Protein backbone atom coordinates (compact mmCIF):
# COMPACT_ATOMS: atom_id res chain seq x y z
CA MET A 1 0.00 0.00 0.00
CA SER A 2 1.35 3.41 -0.98
CA SER A 3 1.88 6.02 1.69
CA GLU A 4 -0.23 9.17 1.53
CA ALA A 5 1.33 12.53 0.75
CA LEU A 6 0.95 15.27 3.37
CA LEU A 7 1.46 19.00 3.59
CA VAL A 8 2.75 19.89 7.06
CA LEU A 9 2.81 23.45 8.37
CA THR A 10 5.04 24.70 11.16
CA THR A 11 6.27 28.11 12.23
CA CYS A 12 9.73 29.11 13.43
CA ALA A 13 10.87 32.08 15.46
CA ASN A 14 13.08 33.44 12.65
CA ALA A 15 14.48 32.73 9.19
CA ALA A 16 17.72 31.20 10.50
CA GLU A 17 15.85 28.67 12.65
CA ALA A 18 13.52 27.89 9.74
CA GLU A 19 16.42 27.35 7.31
CA LYS A 20 18.23 25.08 9.76
CA LEU A 21 15.09 22.99 10.29
CA ALA A 22 14.36 22.79 6.55
CA GLU A 23 17.89 21.59 5.77
CA ARG A 24 17.72 18.96 8.51
CA LEU A 25 14.36 17.62 7.29
CA ILE A 26 15.68 17.29 3.74
CA ARG A 27 19.05 15.83 4.78
CA ASP A 28 17.35 13.20 6.96
CA ARG A 29 14.92 12.33 4.10
CA VAL A 30 11.95 13.17 6.32
CA ALA A 31 10.67 15.73 3.81
CA ALA A 32 10.77 15.90 0.03
CA CYS A 33 10.54 19.69 -0.16
CA VAL A 34 10.29 22.58 2.29
CA ASN A 35 9.13 26.06 1.28
CA ARG A 36 9.94 28.93 3.64
CA ILE A 37 7.83 32.06 3.86
CA ASP A 38 9.52 34.71 6.00
CA SER A 39 7.89 37.59 7.84
CA VAL A 40 4.51 35.96 8.46
CA ALA A 41 2.44 38.06 10.88
CA SER A 42 1.00 35.75 13.56
CA THR A 43 -1.67 36.66 16.11
CA TYR A 44 -2.49 34.03 18.72
CA ARG A 45 -3.54 33.47 22.32
CA TRP A 46 -0.78 32.23 24.64
CA GLU A 47 -1.05 31.90 28.42
CA GLY A 48 -4.18 34.05 28.50
CA ARG A 49 -2.81 36.94 26.44
CA VAL A 50 -3.14 37.91 22.81
CA GLU A 51 0.33 37.83 21.26
CA ARG A 52 1.63 39.17 17.96
CA ASP A 53 4.86 37.98 16.39
CA THR A 54 6.65 37.84 13.09
CA GLU A 55 7.61 34.27 12.22
CA SER A 56 8.79 32.11 9.35
CA LEU A 57 6.28 29.59 8.02
CA LEU A 58 7.45 26.26 6.62
CA LEU A 59 5.35 24.31 4.12
CA ILE A 60 6.68 20.77 4.29
CA LYS A 61 5.87 18.00 1.80
CA THR A 62 6.17 14.51 3.25
CA THR A 63 4.20 11.28 3.76
CA ASP A 64 2.15 9.86 6.58
CA GLU A 65 4.90 7.28 7.16
CA GLN A 66 7.40 10.08 7.90
CA LEU A 67 5.11 12.21 10.07
CA HIS A 68 6.30 10.82 13.41
CA ALA A 69 9.98 11.38 12.54
CA LEU A 70 9.17 14.85 11.21
CA GLU A 71 7.35 15.77 14.41
CA ARG A 72 10.26 14.52 16.53
CA THR A 73 12.70 16.65 14.52
CA VAL A 74 10.50 19.74 14.77
CA ARG A 75 10.23 19.32 18.56
CA GLU A 76 14.00 18.84 18.89
CA GLN A 77 14.92 21.82 16.71
CA SER A 78 12.24 24.36 17.64
CA SER A 79 12.88 27.16 20.11
CA TYR A 80 9.15 27.16 20.92
CA GLU A 81 7.72 25.50 24.02
CA LEU A 82 4.80 24.25 21.91
CA PRO A 83 5.74 24.17 18.22
CA GLU A 84 2.96 24.29 15.66
CA LEU A 85 2.57 21.09 13.69
CA VAL A 86 -0.47 20.74 11.42
CA ALA A 87 -0.67 18.02 8.76
CA VAL A 88 -3.11 18.06 5.86
CA ARG A 89 -3.62 15.06 3.58
CA LEU A 90 -3.19 15.89 -0.10
CA ALA A 91 -6.46 14.65 -1.57
CA ALA A 92 -5.40 15.38 -5.14
CA GLY A 93 -2.48 16.65 -7.15
CA SER A 94 -0.19 15.79 -10.02
CA GLY A 95 0.39 12.05 -9.87
CA ALA A 96 4.02 12.45 -10.87
CA TYR A 97 4.60 15.08 -8.16
CA LEU A 98 2.95 12.97 -5.45
CA ASP A 99 5.07 10.00 -6.55
CA TRP A 100 8.18 12.20 -6.32
CA ILE A 101 7.27 13.15 -2.71
CA ARG A 102 6.96 9.47 -1.79
CA ALA A 103 10.21 8.50 -3.50
CA SER A 104 12.11 11.42 -1.95
CA VAL A 105 11.43 10.33 1.63
CA GLU A 106 12.21 6.65 1.15
CA PRO A 107 15.40 5.51 2.84
CA GLU A 108 18.39 5.35 0.50
CA PRO A 109 19.31 1.82 -0.60
CA GLU A 110 22.30 0.45 1.25
């Protein structure tokens, strides 16, 4: 059975942290592609207060089989006490692109 492709979103405190995380996810073959969007304005409630920050948003393409490893890496690398991690199943898309995502996160043959 083929693994399902996912789009995972996470935010980082700054561009340097986001770049470091993106490189690690690709190097470890946990993600096929990571897009970074810097200077995202975030408004959220934290510990009873409304907070506003500028963050970097990562759009991570992976599979459901890699989600646990991806989450572990995000938790290890993030400076946040509670890092955002939202995964969305890709219901449709280019078949060739979805196949590329799956192939990109498979372990390298030994």
